[in-house]
Every structure is written in C-alpha cells, then in structure tokens.
C-alpha atoms as a PDB file:
ATOM      1  CA  MET A   1     -13.398  -7.485   7.239  1.00  0.00           C
ATOM      2  CA  ASP A   2     -16.835  -5.990   7.725  1.00  0.00           C
ATOM      3  CA  THR A   3     -19.501  -5.399   5.107  1.00  0.00           C
ATOM      4  CA  LYS A   4     -18.816  -1.660   4.781  1.00  0.00           C
ATOM      5  CA  ALA A   5     -15.089  -2.205   4.098  1.00  0.00           C
ATOM      6  CA  THR A   6     -15.923  -4.984   1.639  1.00  0.00           C
ATOM      7  CA  ILE A   7     -18.275  -2.726  -0.305  1.00  0.00           C
ATOM      8  CA  ALA A   8     -15.645   0.040  -0.397  1.00  0.00           C
ATOM      9  CA  ALA A   9     -13.007  -2.381  -1.704  1.00  0.00           C
ATOM     10  CA  LEU A  10     -15.288  -3.881  -4.341  1.00  0.00           C
ATOM     11  CA  ALA A  11     -16.444  -0.427  -5.449  1.00  0.00           C
ATOM     12  CA  ALA A  12     -12.831   0.702  -5.831  1.00  0.00           C
ATOM     13  CA  LEU A  13     -12.024  -2.353  -7.943  1.00  0.00           C
ATOM     14  CA  ALA A  14     -15.151  -2.003 -10.078  1.00  0.00           C
ATOM     15  CA  GLN A  15     -13.409   0.310 -12.540  1.00  0.00           C
ATOM     16  CA  GLU A  16     -11.097  -0.823 -15.338  1.00  0.00           C
ATOM     17  CA  SER A  17      -8.105   1.413 -14.596  1.00  0.00           C
ATOM     18  CA  ARG A  18      -8.190   0.855 -10.835  1.00  0.00           C
ATOM     19  CA  LEU A  19      -8.486  -2.888 -11.307  1.00  0.00           C
ATOM     20  CA  ALA A  20      -5.483  -2.794 -13.659  1.00  0.00           C
ATOM     21  CA  VAL A  21      -3.467  -0.741 -11.156  1.00  0.00           C
ATOM     22  CA  PHE A  22      -4.298  -3.106  -8.311  1.00  0.00           C
ATOM     23  CA  ARG A  23      -3.475  -6.205 -10.342  1.00  0.00           C
ATOM     24  CA  LEU A  24      -0.153  -4.692 -11.410  1.00  0.00           C
ATOM     25  CA  LEU A  25       0.754  -3.852  -7.825  1.00  0.00           C
ATOM     26  CA  VAL A  26      -0.195  -7.361  -6.681  1.00  0.00           C
ATOM     27  CA  GLN A  27       2.134  -8.784  -9.340  1.00  0.00           C
ATOM     28  CA  LEU A  28       4.979  -6.507  -8.226  1.00  0.00           C
ATOM     29  CA  GLY A  29       4.713  -7.560  -4.595  1.00  0.00           C
ATOM     30  CA  PRO A  30       5.809  -5.464  -1.615  1.00  0.00           C
ATOM     31  CA  GLU A  31       8.378  -3.483  -3.626  1.00  0.00           C
ATOM     32  CA  GLY A  32       5.620  -1.567  -5.387  1.00  0.00           C
ATOM     33  CA  LEU A  33       6.116   1.161  -7.957  1.00  0.00           C
ATOM     34  CA  ALA A  34       6.054   4.941  -8.283  1.00  0.00           C
ATOM     35  CA  ALA A  35       2.846   6.492  -9.600  1.00  0.00           C
ATOM     36  CA  THR A  36       4.539   7.754 -12.766  1.00  0.00           C
ATOM     37  CA  LYS A  37       5.823   4.269 -13.589  1.00  0.00           C
ATOM     38  CA  ILE A  38       2.393   2.725 -12.937  1.00  0.00           C
ATOM     39  CA  GLY A  39       0.838   5.237 -15.316  1.00  0.00           C
ATOM     40  CA  GLU A  40       3.483   4.582 -17.971  1.00  0.00           C
ATOM     41  CA  GLN A  41       3.043   0.811 -17.796  1.00  0.00           C
ATOM     42  CA  LEU A  42      -0.745   0.991 -17.974  1.00  0.00           C
ATOM     43  CA  GLY A  43      -1.131   3.994 -20.270  1.00  0.00           C
ATOM     44  CA  ILE A  44      -2.997   6.078 -17.698  1.00  0.00           C
ATOM     45  CA  ALA A  45      -2.591   9.873 -17.734  1.00  0.00           C
ATOM     46  CA  PRO A  46      -1.025  11.408 -14.605  1.00  0.00           C
ATOM     47  CA  SER A  47      -4.145  13.461 -13.876  1.00  0.00           C
ATOM     48  CA  SER A  48      -6.282  10.302 -13.852  1.00  0.00           C
ATOM     49  CA  MET A  49      -3.651   8.257 -12.035  1.00  0.00           C
ATOM     50  CA  SER A  50      -3.754  10.388  -8.898  1.00  0.00           C
ATOM     51  CA  PHE A  51      -7.544  10.009  -8.702  1.00  0.00           C
ATOM     52  CA  HIS A  52      -7.376   6.223  -9.110  1.00  0.00           C
ATOM     53  CA  LEU A  53      -4.592   5.877  -6.547  1.00  0.00           C
ATOM     54  CA  LYS A  54      -6.589   7.982  -4.082  1.00  0.00           C
ATOM     55  CA  GLU A  55      -9.626   5.729  -4.505  1.00  0.00           C
ATOM     56  CA  LEU A  56      -7.581   2.554  -4.004  1.00  0.00           C
ATOM     57  CA  THR A  57      -5.834   4.062  -0.981  1.00  0.00           C
ATOM     58  CA  HIS A  58      -9.158   5.168   0.518  1.00  0.00           C
ATOM     59  CA  ALA A  59     -10.417   1.557   0.183  1.00  0.00           C
ATOM     60  CA  ASP A  60      -7.192   0.410   1.930  1.00  0.00           C
ATOM     61  CA  LEU A  61      -6.289  -1.764  -1.073  1.00  0.00           C
ATOM     62  CA  ILE A  62      -2.930  -0.048  -1.591  1.00  0.00           C
ATOM     63  CA  THR A  63      -0.435   1.727   0.620  1.00  0.00           C
ATOM     64  CA  ALA A  64       1.942   4.577  -0.125  1.00  0.00           C
ATOM     65  CA  ARG A  65       5.415   5.187   1.199  1.00  0.00           C
ATOM     66  CA  HIS A  66       7.962   7.891   0.473  1.00  0.00           C
ATOM     67  CA  GLU A  67      11.323   6.980  -1.006  1.00  0.00           C
ATOM     68  CA  GLY A  68      13.265  10.150  -1.626  1.00  0.00           C
ATOM     69  CA  ARG A  69      11.132  12.397  -3.781  1.00  0.00           C
ATOM     70  CA  PHE A  70       8.955   9.530  -5.008  1.00  0.00           C
ATOM     71  CA  VAL A  71       5.798   8.029  -3.565  1.00  0.00           C
ATOM     72  CA  ILE A  72       5.863   4.270  -3.990  1.00  0.00           C
ATOM     73  CA  TYR A  73       2.549   2.430  -4.059  1.00  0.00           C
ATOM     74  CA  SER A  74       2.128  -1.237  -3.241  1.00  0.00           C
ATOM     75  CA  ALA A  75      -0.768  -3.604  -2.787  1.00  0.00           C
ATOM     76  CA  ASN A  76      -2.092  -4.019   0.738  1.00  0.00           C
ATOM     77  CA  PHE A  77      -2.024  -7.809   0.929  1.00  0.00           C
ATOM     78  CA  THR A  78      -3.674  -7.850   4.344  1.00  0.00           C
ATOM     79  CA  THR A  79      -6.754  -6.112   2.960  1.00  0.00           C
ATOM     80  CA  MET A  80      -6.693  -8.251  -0.193  1.00  0.00           C
ATOM     81  CA  ASN A  81      -6.612 -11.456   1.853  1.00  0.00           C
ATOM     82  CA  SER A  82      -9.337 -10.160   4.174  1.00  0.00           C
ATOM     83  CA  LEU A  83     -11.523  -9.382   1.172  1.00  0.00           C
ATOM     84  CA  ILE A  84     -10.990 -12.852  -0.270  1.00  0.00           C
ATOM     85  CA  GLY A  85     -11.696 -14.363   3.144  1.00  0.00           C
ATOM     86  CA  PHE A  86     -14.899 -12.370   3.520  1.00  0.00           C
ATOM     87  CA  LEU A  87     -16.102 -13.392   0.063  1.00  0.00           C
ATOM     88  CA  THR A  88     -15.344 -17.063   0.602  1.00  0.00           C
ATOM     89  CA  GLU A  89     -16.415 -17.313   4.231  1.00  0.00           C
ATOM     90  CA  ASN A  90     -18.770 -20.254   4.676  1.00  0.00           C
ATOM     91  CA  CYS A  91     -17.987 -21.428   1.157  1.00  0.00           C
ATOM     92  CA  CYS A  92     -19.391 -24.896   0.526  1.00  0.00           C
ATOM     93  CA  GLY A  93     -21.113 -24.906   3.908  1.00  0.00           C
ATOM     94  CA  GLY A  94     -17.834 -25.281   5.766  1.00  0.00           C
ATOM     95  CA  ASN A  95     -16.564 -28.125   3.593  1.00  0.00           C
ATOM     96  CA  VAL A  96     -13.319 -27.967   1.662  1.00  0.00           C
ATOM     97  CA  CYS A  97     -13.662 -26.131  -1.658  1.00  0.00           C
ATOM     98  CA  LEU A  98     -11.890 -27.797  -4.561  1.00  0.00           C
ATOM     99  CA  PRO A  99     -10.073 -25.872  -7.335  1.00  0.00           C
ATOM    100  CA  ASN A 100     -12.659 -26.936  -9.919  1.00  0.00           C
ATOM    101  CA  GLY A 101     -15.406 -25.127  -8.004  1.00  0.00           C
ATOM    102  CA  THR A 102     -16.959 -28.177  -6.411  1.00  0.00           C
ATOM    103  CA  CYS A 103     -17.264 -28.864  -2.721  1.00  0.00           C
ATOM    104  CA  ASN A 104     -15.651 -31.802  -1.006  1.00  0.00           C
ATOM    105  CA  THR A 105     -18.349 -32.982   1.374  1.00  0.00           C
ATOM    106  CA  HIS A 106     -17.896 -35.814   3.823  1.00  0.00           C
ATOM    107  CA  GLU A 107     -20.187 -37.985   1.680  1.00  0.00           C
ATOM    108  CA  GLU A 108     -17.885 -37.489  -1.333  1.00  0.00           C
ATOM    109  CA  GLU A 109     -14.857 -38.437   0.786  1.00  0.00           C
ATOM    110  CA  HIS A 110     -16.379 -41.804   1.667  1.00  0.00           C
ATOM    111  CA  SER A 111     -17.654 -42.655  -1.829  1.00  0.00           C
END
C-alpha cells in the first residue's frame, strides 16, 4: 500500500459513523450486509448512510455486490491487511513485536 492510499483509508476511517460501519462489516466477514440493515443496526439515517458508504468504497475499504435488488457491502480485507501492514512495517526495527507492545530483540532472547 502506498502513502496516498494509506492517507485515503485513514481519512475515511477518521469519522465516527464510517468507523462504526467498517468495524461492523469486519465483524460480519465476507457475507456483508445491505445498506439498509447497516443503517438500522447503527442508527444511521439512509441519506447519511449512502454518503458514508461512498467514502469507504472510494478508499477501497469496502466492496459492494448486487444480490437481487439489494446492494450488499462487505469489508475489503485485502485493503485492511495492507493498511495494517503499512502502519506496522519496520515495527521494532525488524524485530518481533510482542502483544504487550514491547519488542523482542536478539539481546532479550539471550537474556
């Protein structure tokens, strides 16, 4: 992922409703959900929902597919993983990062 795409993704997520939509779609997995159902679950008006979905789609964080008369939205896990990879690239200077936020350096391994 390049810097421009990273900025677009972070900008799209830097809004409460869009972040909530994205997190919901991540939880739902590849099945996704129709826009109306997303709005109902999160309490977002349909007029606002279309704007937020457009922004997330433009940042390539979600994808849309047609199922009958519905448009189903789901998280784009490839973009999500690329974003996480970009943000954590070179974490801990190439050493293994531990869950507690510390770095496992070679010196620590031999202590």
